Amino acid sequence: MATKHPHNTIINSAQRTLTYQSVENSSNHLASALLRHGVQLGDPVLIHCSDHAQALVAQVAVLKLGGVCVPVPHHADTALLGQITELSGAMLVLCSNATREHWSLPAAVLDDERTWAKITPLRTDGSLPRSGAADVAYLLPEFSPDGSVTGHLIDHRAWLLATGARLRRAGRARHGISAGTQVGSARDLVAAWWAIAAGTSLQEPRPTGGTEFAKQLRSSGISSVHGPDEYAALLTDVPPASGTEDRPATVLITGGPLPAGTAERHAELLPYARLLAEFSPRDGAMPWTARDCGADSWNPEPPSLVGTSVPRVRVTIRNPDGEELPAGATGQIWAAGTALPFDRLCDGCHDTPVSHRGSFTHSGYLGRWTDNGSLQVLDRTHRKPADRLDTTTPPRPMQHILSCTSTPNPETTQICGVGR
């Protein structure tokens, strides 16, 4: 995109405007600096930034040098930060001034002029990009209600497959895509990479009130990404549509099933906007099924229907022993495919049934396939899902699984002049 549309805006906010070319240049400098200071292929790097511009430059840089992006939600508390660090085994943080105080690890502060004064003069390393299709791109953390953290490992191929399929379903959103305030969350990652794949801009921040959201949608035609419960709550404050709207947009929902009445209320209040729902129950970014329930295609179906499997994903219904059940039978919802995480690091997970080792992922839901080929989600399972695929060894820090690096280079701290 930087080659095709170098001057197109990729980040549009009140604080700054970035073009595709500026992100390309900045990420090249940052990746070269990280490479010179010891970050190797497969090394996990924590990304904890306070705005989307910094987070995007950091992600692209890490992806280029072959590292693993470990996005940390901006709102994460100290306990969660410690869990993510321990789970990933990361030894470096790319952060902002506002988040630097939360870390004792070596860090590069991306909104500090001193950081870029050291990085910008560096020549772009000729080996970039170093990442391959089968290399790990992301470790996405999932936070369970019991306080545990699971890390979903996603390679470049799976990420590109999921992003490309989403672009074909959701369209190019020519007026831009709005981002929320939770920088580093899975849904903001979806919004950012949907925008990049479409060659459009990421608009921030997204209005938090229903009235302001509807006004932005109607006047600007800016698409957006939400969670199911978040969007249901947002619609309670949306005023009825008035007049003819000429700026169609897409509202993309990711996560669990839509709450009852959400599709009906959307069709009533925002009839000009397409509503697309993705069932992405574990990591929040890699969909299992998709359903178009906007104004043009919506019909009064049970809200628990979450659509059909997306490309390169196979969803099955299985009994507790791991045996696949026929259509119409109720059981646990599992999935496998090249457009899903290939493995996960898990703290305290149950053992996985032998028949599931290697590829299958439990959704945490019970469901069934209906006669018309749609997946119906019935309820959450009562036991903690068995997510860890390799049950023969205890969980290990990711740097020991993905990288041959034994000791981080102490010179990494020189990127921003911050000591250990």
Protein backbone atom coordinates (compact mmCIF):
# COMPACT_ATOMS: atom_id res chain seq x y z
CA MET A 1 0.00 0.00 0.00
CA ALA A 2 2.89 2.34 0.69
CA THR A 3 4.14 1.67 -2.84
CA LYS A 4 0.74 2.05 -4.51
CA HIS A 5 -0.66 4.90 -2.40
CA PRO A 6 2.26 6.58 -0.57
CA HIS A 7 0.41 9.82 0.11
CA ASN A 8 -2.86 8.30 1.28
CA THR A 9 -3.68 8.88 4.95
CA ILE A 10 -3.43 5.80 7.13
CA ILE A 11 -3.95 7.43 10.57
CA ASN A 12 -6.26 10.42 10.91
CA SER A 13 -6.70 11.94 14.36
CA ALA A 14 -6.71 15.28 16.12
CA GLN A 15 -3.16 14.65 17.35
CA ARG A 16 -1.51 13.64 14.07
CA THR A 17 -1.95 12.51 10.50
CA LEU A 18 0.25 9.78 9.08
CA THR A 19 0.54 8.64 5.47
CA TYR A 20 1.33 5.15 4.29
CA GLN A 21 4.78 6.32 3.23
CA SER A 22 5.55 7.89 6.62
CA VAL A 23 4.60 4.67 8.42
CA GLU A 24 6.75 2.73 5.97
CA ASN A 25 9.77 4.97 6.57
CA SER A 26 9.40 5.15 10.35
CA SER A 27 8.90 1.38 10.68
CA ASN A 28 11.99 0.74 8.51
CA HIS A 29 14.12 2.93 10.79
CA LEU A 30 12.71 1.35 13.95
CA ALA A 31 13.09 -2.20 12.63
CA SER A 32 16.69 -1.50 11.63
CA ALA A 33 17.45 -0.09 15.08
CA LEU A 34 15.91 -3.09 16.83
CA LEU A 35 17.82 -5.46 14.57
CA ARG A 36 21.15 -3.73 15.27
CA HIS A 37 20.54 -3.88 18.99
CA GLY A 38 19.94 -7.61 19.19
CA VAL A 39 16.27 -8.37 18.44
CA GLN A 40 16.35 -11.61 16.48
CA LEU A 41 13.97 -13.64 14.38
CA GLY A 42 11.19 -14.99 16.59
CA ASP A 43 11.84 -12.72 19.59
CA PRO A 44 8.63 -11.50 21.27
CA VAL A 45 8.29 -7.72 21.67
CA LEU A 46 5.68 -6.10 23.92
CA ILE A 47 3.79 -3.17 22.36
CA HIS A 48 2.09 -0.91 24.91
CA CYS A 49 1.27 2.44 23.34
CA SER A 50 -1.20 5.19 24.14
CA ASP A 51 -2.26 5.99 20.57
CA HIS A 52 -2.81 4.09 17.36
CA ALA A 53 -0.10 5.87 15.38
CA GLN A 54 2.67 4.71 17.71
CA ALA A 55 1.16 1.23 17.98
CA LEU A 56 0.94 0.84 14.20
CA VAL A 57 4.54 1.92 13.57
CA ALA A 58 5.69 -0.46 16.32
CA GLN A 59 3.74 -3.41 14.92
CA VAL A 60 4.93 -2.94 11.35
CA ALA A 61 8.54 -2.61 12.54
CA VAL A 62 8.39 -5.81 14.61
CA LEU A 63 6.68 -7.71 11.79
CA LYS A 64 9.35 -6.59 9.33
CA LEU A 65 12.27 -7.71 11.43
CA GLY A 66 10.68 -11.11 12.05
CA GLY A 67 9.79 -10.54 15.69
CA VAL A 68 6.51 -11.43 17.35
CA CYS A 69 4.08 -8.61 18.21
CA VAL A 70 2.62 -8.92 21.70
CA PRO A 71 0.02 -6.13 21.84
CA VAL A 72 -0.82 -5.00 25.36
CA PRO A 73 -4.20 -3.28 25.87
CA HIS A 74 -3.68 0.29 27.03
CA HIS A 75 -6.05 -0.24 29.98
CA ALA A 76 -4.32 -3.38 31.33
CA ASP A 77 -3.52 -3.24 35.05
CA THR A 78 -0.22 -4.14 36.70
CA ALA A 79 -1.21 -7.76 37.37
CA LEU A 80 -2.14 -8.35 33.73
CA LEU A 81 1.06 -6.71 32.52
CA GLY A 82 3.06 -9.12 34.67
CA GLN A 83 1.11 -12.12 33.38
CA ILE A 84 1.57 -11.13 29.74
CA THR A 85 5.28 -10.57 30.27
CA GLU A 86 5.76 -13.93 31.98
CA LEU A 87 3.68 -15.79 29.40
CA SER A 88 5.49 -14.29 26.41
CA GLY A 89 9.01 -14.21 27.81
CA ALA A 90 9.50 -10.79 26.19
CA MET A 91 12.50 -8.71 27.21
CA LEU A 92 11.74 -5.46 25.37
CA VAL A 93 8.84 -3.00 25.32
CA LEU A 94 7.87 -0.49 22.63
CA CYS A 95 5.79 2.04 24.51
CA SER A 96 4.73 5.67 24.99
CA ASN A 97 5.68 8.17 27.66
CA ALA A 98 2.27 7.58 29.23
CA THR A 99 2.88 3.83 29.59
CA ARG A 100 6.65 3.75 30.25
CA GLU A 101 6.26 3.95 34.03
CA HIS A 102 4.52 0.56 34.09
CA TRP A 103 7.62 -1.30 32.92
CA SER A 104 10.95 -2.24 34.43
CA LEU A 105 12.07 -3.89 31.19
CA PRO A 106 14.27 -2.11 28.62
CA ALA A 107 12.01 0.10 26.52
CA ALA A 108 11.94 2.31 23.45
CA VAL A 109 9.62 5.29 24.02
CA LEU A 110 8.09 6.06 20.64
CA ASP A 111 6.79 9.56 21.39
CA ASP A 112 10.15 10.74 22.74
CA GLU A 113 12.18 12.91 20.33
CA ARG A 114 15.41 11.47 21.74
CA THR A 115 14.39 8.01 20.56
CA TRP A 116 13.93 9.13 16.96
CA ALA A 117 17.06 11.29 17.07
CA LYS A 118 19.00 8.03 17.49
CA ILE A 119 16.89 5.94 15.11
CA THR A 120 16.31 8.23 12.12
CA PRO A 121 19.98 8.54 10.98
CA LEU A 122 20.29 4.75 10.70
CA ARG A 123 20.23 3.26 7.22
CA THR A 124 17.49 0.74 6.52
CA ASP A 125 18.87 -2.75 6.96
CA GLY A 126 19.07 -4.59 3.65
CA SER A 127 17.70 -7.83 5.11
CA LEU A 128 14.25 -6.35 5.80
CA PRO A 129 11.66 -7.73 5.74
CA ARG A 130 12.96 -10.88 7.44
CA SER A 131 9.67 -12.58 8.27
CA GLY A 132 8.30 -15.54 6.33
CA ALA A 133 4.78 -16.88 5.86
CA ALA A 134 5.21 -19.58 8.52
CA ASP A 135 6.88 -17.28 11.05
CA VAL A 136 4.89 -16.07 14.05
CA ALA A 137 3.38 -12.61 13.59
CA TYR A 138 1.31 -12.12 16.76
CA LEU A 139 0.84 -13.44 20.26
CA LEU A 140 -2.65 -12.18 21.10
CA PRO A 141 -3.52 -12.31 24.81
CA GLU A 142 -6.95 -13.48 25.91
CA PHE A 143 -8.08 -12.55 29.41
CA SER A 144 -10.34 -15.02 31.23
CA PRO A 145 -12.78 -14.04 34.00
CA ASP A 146 -10.78 -16.15 36.46
CA GLY A 147 -7.74 -13.91 35.90
CA SER A 148 -5.71 -16.28 33.72
CA VAL A 149 -4.16 -15.23 30.40
CA THR A 150 -3.93 -17.32 27.24
CA GLY A 151 -1.65 -16.32 24.38
CA HIS A 152 -2.82 -17.18 20.84
CA LEU A 153 0.03 -17.69 18.37
CA ILE A 154 -0.75 -16.50 14.83
CA ASP A 155 1.58 -16.80 11.86
CA HIS A 156 1.77 -14.35 8.95
CA ARG A 157 -0.10 -16.67 6.61
CA ALA A 158 -3.10 -17.02 8.94
CA TRP A 159 -3.21 -13.28 9.61
CA LEU A 160 -3.17 -12.46 5.89
CA LEU A 161 -5.81 -15.09 5.12
CA ALA A 162 -8.14 -13.75 7.81
CA THR A 163 -7.56 -10.12 6.81
CA GLY A 164 -8.05 -10.82 3.11
CA ALA A 165 -11.27 -12.75 3.69
CA ARG A 166 -12.57 -9.95 5.92
CA LEU A 167 -11.87 -7.38 3.20
CA ARG A 168 -13.86 -9.43 0.70
CA ARG A 169 -16.80 -9.68 3.11
CA ALA A 170 -16.80 -6.18 4.56
CA GLY A 171 -15.63 -4.13 1.58
CA ARG A 172 -13.20 -1.24 1.32
CA ALA A 173 -14.95 1.25 3.65
CA ARG A 174 -13.89 4.16 1.46
CA HIS A 175 -14.72 6.80 4.08
CA GLY A 176 -12.41 5.22 6.65
CA ILE A 177 -12.76 3.00 9.71
CA SER A 178 -13.01 4.34 13.24
CA ALA A 179 -10.95 2.98 16.11
CA GLY A 180 -11.90 2.82 19.77
CA THR A 181 -10.02 4.18 22.74
CA GLN A 182 -8.59 0.83 23.87
CA VAL A 183 -5.33 0.88 21.93
CA GLY A 184 -3.88 -2.62 21.71
CA SER A 185 -7.16 -4.51 21.98
CA ALA A 186 -8.02 -7.25 19.48
CA ARG A 187 -10.86 -5.21 17.97
CA ASP A 188 -8.63 -2.22 17.36
CA LEU A 189 -6.17 -4.56 15.63
CA VAL A 190 -9.04 -5.73 13.42
CA ALA A 191 -9.97 -2.12 12.60
CA ALA A 192 -6.38 -1.12 11.81
CA TRP A 193 -5.61 -4.04 9.50
CA TRP A 194 -9.00 -3.88 7.80
CA ALA A 195 -8.15 -0.25 7.00
CA ILE A 196 -4.67 -1.17 5.74
CA ALA A 197 -5.96 -4.00 3.54
CA ALA A 198 -8.53 -1.59 2.07
CA GLY A 199 -6.00 1.19 1.54
CA THR A 200 -8.18 3.56 3.57
CA SER A 201 -7.62 5.44 6.83
CA LEU A 202 -8.03 4.61 10.49
CA GLN A 203 -10.05 7.39 12.10
CA GLU A 204 -9.69 7.95 15.84
CA PRO A 205 -11.16 8.20 18.33
CA ARG A 206 -14.58 6.63 17.87
CA PRO A 207 -17.49 8.35 19.67
CA THR A 208 -18.49 6.54 22.85
CA GLY A 209 -22.13 7.70 22.99
CA GLY A 210 -24.89 6.38 20.75
CA THR A 211 -26.02 9.82 19.59
CA GLU A 212 -22.49 10.89 18.61
CA PHE A 213 -21.83 7.51 16.97
CA ALA A 214 -24.98 7.72 14.84
CA LYS A 215 -24.14 11.29 13.84
CA GLN A 216 -20.66 10.25 12.68
CA LEU A 217 -22.02 7.23 10.83
CA ARG A 218 -24.73 9.25 9.06
CA SER A 219 -22.71 12.34 8.20
CA SER A 220 -19.34 10.77 7.38
CA GLY A 221 -20.05 7.17 6.42
CA ILE A 222 -17.17 5.97 8.61
CA SER A 223 -17.27 2.22 9.31
CA SER A 224 -16.46 0.78 12.73
CA VAL A 225 -15.63 -2.37 14.70
CA HIS A 226 -17.36 -3.28 17.99
CA GLY A 227 -17.87 -6.10 20.45
CA PRO A 228 -21.38 -7.64 20.68
CA ASP A 229 -22.29 -6.31 24.13
CA GLU A 230 -20.63 -2.97 23.44
CA TYR A 231 -22.68 -2.45 20.29
CA ALA A 232 -25.95 -3.56 21.91
CA ALA A 233 -25.39 -0.96 24.66
CA LEU A 234 -24.48 1.68 22.07
CA LEU A 235 -27.76 1.17 20.19
CA THR A 236 -29.83 1.96 23.27
CA ASP A 237 -28.84 5.62 22.85
CA VAL A 238 -29.09 5.88 19.05
CA PRO A 239 -31.92 8.19 17.86
CA PRO A 240 -34.20 7.01 14.99
CA ALA A 241 -33.06 7.69 11.44
CA SER A 242 -34.50 10.81 9.82
CA GLY A 243 -34.56 11.45 6.08
CA THR A 244 -32.60 9.72 3.37
CA GLU A 245 -29.06 8.80 4.22
CA ASP A 246 -26.56 8.79 1.34
CA ARG A 247 -23.39 7.62 3.08
CA PRO A 248 -23.61 3.84 3.59
CA ALA A 249 -21.13 2.28 5.97
CA THR A 250 -20.39 -1.09 7.56
CA VAL A 251 -20.59 -1.95 11.25
CA LEU A 252 -18.47 -5.02 12.01
CA ILE A 253 -19.11 -6.99 15.21
CA THR A 254 -16.43 -9.40 16.45
CA GLY A 255 -16.52 -11.80 19.39
CA GLY A 256 -19.40 -13.92 20.64
CA PRO A 257 -23.00 -14.08 19.36
CA LEU A 258 -25.07 -10.92 19.02
CA PRO A 259 -27.33 -10.24 22.02
CA ALA A 260 -31.04 -10.77 21.36
CA GLY A 261 -32.67 -7.84 19.56
CA THR A 262 -29.41 -6.25 18.35
CA ALA A 263 -29.92 -6.99 14.64
CA GLU A 264 -33.56 -5.85 14.79
CA ARG A 265 -32.68 -2.58 16.51
CA HIS A 266 -29.83 -1.92 14.09
CA ALA A 267 -32.16 -2.48 11.10
CA GLU A 268 -34.66 -0.06 12.62
CA LEU A 269 -32.27 2.73 13.63
CA LEU A 270 -29.48 2.46 11.06
CA PRO A 271 -31.13 0.94 7.96
CA TYR A 272 -28.52 2.42 5.59
CA ALA A 273 -25.60 0.73 7.40
CA ARG A 274 -24.62 -2.86 6.78
CA LEU A 275 -24.29 -5.02 9.90
CA LEU A 276 -21.72 -7.81 9.62
CA ALA A 277 -21.10 -10.16 12.56
CA GLU A 278 -18.04 -12.38 13.01
CA PHE A 279 -17.99 -15.19 15.55
CA SER A 280 -14.45 -15.03 16.95
CA PRO A 281 -14.78 -16.58 20.41
CA ARG A 282 -11.20 -17.04 21.60
CA ASP A 283 -8.67 -14.43 20.47
CA GLY A 284 -11.25 -11.90 19.21
CA ALA A 285 -9.45 -11.20 15.93
CA MET A 286 -9.53 -14.46 13.95
CA PRO A 287 -13.15 -15.26 12.93
CA TRP A 288 -14.63 -18.73 12.79
CA THR A 289 -17.92 -17.85 11.09
CA ALA A 290 -19.48 -14.72 9.60
CA ARG A 291 -23.05 -13.55 9.12
CA ASP A 292 -24.42 -10.62 7.14
CA CYS A 293 -27.37 -9.30 9.14
CA GLY A 294 -27.63 -5.76 7.76
CA ALA A 295 -30.69 -4.00 6.41
CA ASP A 296 -30.53 -5.54 2.92
CA SER A 297 -30.19 -9.16 3.93
CA TRP A 298 -31.57 -9.28 7.46
CA ASN A 299 -34.54 -11.46 8.32
CA PRO A 300 -35.98 -12.41 11.72
CA GLU A 301 -33.75 -15.34 12.66
CA PRO A 302 -32.67 -16.43 16.14
CA PRO A 303 -29.95 -14.10 17.43
CA SER A 304 -27.84 -17.13 18.29
CA LEU A 305 -27.22 -17.92 14.61
CA VAL A 306 -23.66 -16.85 13.82
CA GLY A 307 -23.47 -17.77 10.13
CA THR A 308 -21.29 -20.13 8.14
CA SER A 309 -17.59 -20.95 8.36
CA VAL A 310 -15.20 -18.40 6.88
CA PRO A 311 -12.62 -19.53 4.27
CA ARG A 312 -9.80 -21.79 5.52
CA VAL A 313 -11.68 -22.59 8.75
CA ARG A 314 -13.60 -25.79 9.53
CA VAL A 315 -16.05 -25.63 12.42
CA THR A 316 -17.29 -28.89 13.94
CA ILE A 317 -19.61 -29.97 16.74
CA ARG A 318 -18.07 -32.59 19.03
CA ASN A 319 -19.01 -34.57 22.11
CA PRO A 320 -16.85 -34.52 25.28
CA ASP A 321 -14.78 -37.43 23.91
CA GLY A 322 -13.84 -35.45 20.81
CA GLU A 323 -16.05 -37.34 18.37
CA GLU A 324 -17.64 -35.28 15.60
CA LEU A 325 -21.45 -35.06 15.73
CA PRO A 326 -23.87 -34.83 12.76
CA ALA A 327 -25.88 -31.75 11.81
CA GLY A 328 -28.67 -31.05 14.29
CA ALA A 329 -26.85 -32.63 17.25
CA THR A 330 -25.80 -30.40 20.16
CA GLY A 331 -22.23 -30.43 21.42
CA GLN A 332 -19.08 -28.43 21.91
CA ILE A 333 -18.05 -26.05 19.11
CA TRP A 334 -14.52 -26.65 17.84
CA ALA A 335 -12.59 -25.28 14.86
CA ALA A 336 -9.43 -25.92 12.87
CA GLY A 337 -7.85 -24.30 9.84
CA THR A 338 -4.97 -22.32 8.39
CA ALA A 339 -6.77 -19.02 9.06
CA LEU A 340 -6.73 -19.60 12.83
CA PRO A 341 -4.02 -19.48 15.54
CA PHE A 342 -1.77 -22.49 15.16
CA ASP A 343 -0.98 -22.89 18.88
CA ARG A 344 -1.42 -21.22 22.23
CA LEU A 345 0.42 -20.63 25.47
CA CYS A 346 -1.86 -21.21 28.40
CA ASP A 347 -1.70 -20.87 32.16
CA GLY A 348 -3.52 -23.67 33.99
CA CYS A 349 -5.51 -25.13 31.08
CA HIS A 350 -7.11 -28.57 31.23
CA ASP A 351 -5.59 -31.38 29.24
CA THR A 352 -6.82 -31.65 25.67
CA PRO A 353 -8.46 -34.86 24.43
CA VAL A 354 -5.96 -36.91 22.44
CA SER A 355 -8.07 -36.71 19.26
CA HIS A 356 -7.79 -32.91 19.31
CA ARG A 357 -4.05 -32.55 19.61
CA GLY A 358 -2.33 -30.58 16.90
CA SER A 359 -4.91 -28.22 15.47
CA PHE A 360 -8.35 -28.03 17.06
CA THR A 361 -9.50 -25.12 19.17
CA HIS A 362 -12.39 -25.16 21.63
CA SER A 363 -14.70 -22.14 21.45
CA GLY A 364 -16.02 -22.29 25.00
CA TYR A 365 -19.58 -22.60 23.63
CA LEU A 366 -22.17 -25.30 23.00
CA GLY A 367 -23.99 -25.28 19.68
CA ARG A 368 -25.28 -27.15 16.66
CA TRP A 369 -25.49 -26.91 12.88
CA THR A 370 -28.98 -26.05 11.66
CA ASP A 371 -30.70 -27.52 8.61
CA ASN A 372 -29.92 -24.42 6.53
CA GLY A 373 -26.18 -24.69 7.23
CA SER A 374 -25.85 -21.96 9.87
CA LEU A 375 -24.08 -22.43 13.18
CA GLN A 376 -26.31 -21.85 16.20
CA VAL A 377 -24.67 -21.01 19.52
CA LEU A 378 -26.75 -22.25 22.44
CA ASP A 379 -24.79 -21.63 25.64
CA ARG A 380 -21.33 -21.35 27.18
CA THR A 381 -19.67 -24.52 28.36
CA HIS A 382 -19.39 -24.95 32.12
CA ARG A 383 -15.84 -26.29 32.17
CA LYS A 384 -12.75 -24.34 31.32
CA PRO A 385 -11.88 -25.19 27.68
CA ALA A 386 -8.85 -27.31 26.96
CA ASP A 387 -6.78 -24.88 24.99
CA ARG A 388 -3.23 -26.04 25.38
CA LEU A 389 -2.45 -28.32 22.48
CA ASP A 390 0.79 -29.76 23.80
CA THR A 391 0.00 -31.42 27.13
CA THR A 392 3.27 -33.27 27.52
CA THR A 393 5.25 -30.31 28.89
CA PRO A 394 4.39 -27.39 31.17
CA PRO A 395 3.87 -23.90 29.69
CA ARG A 396 7.13 -22.21 28.69
CA PRO A 397 8.03 -18.61 27.89
CA MET A 398 7.54 -17.98 24.19
CA GLN A 399 11.10 -16.88 23.53
CA HIS A 400 12.23 -20.45 24.27
CA ILE A 401 9.68 -21.90 21.86
CA LEU A 402 10.08 -19.55 18.92
CA SER A 403 13.61 -18.25 19.07
CA CYS A 404 17.12 -19.53 19.57
CA THR A 405 18.04 -16.32 21.38
CA SER A 406 19.37 -17.20 24.82
CA THR A 407 20.20 -13.80 26.28
CA PRO A 408 18.87 -10.39 25.19
CA ASN A 409 21.49 -7.92 24.05
CA PRO A 410 22.02 -5.37 26.83
CA GLU A 411 22.65 -2.72 24.19
CA THR A 412 18.91 -2.80 23.41
CA THR A 413 18.52 -0.19 26.14
CA GLN A 414 20.58 2.25 24.10
CA ILE A 415 17.68 2.76 21.68
CA CYS A 416 16.15 5.28 24.04
CA GLY A 417 18.84 5.71 26.65
CA VAL A 418 16.88 4.02 29.41
CA GLY A 419 18.75 1.67 31.76
CA ARG A 420 17.50 -1.57 33.17
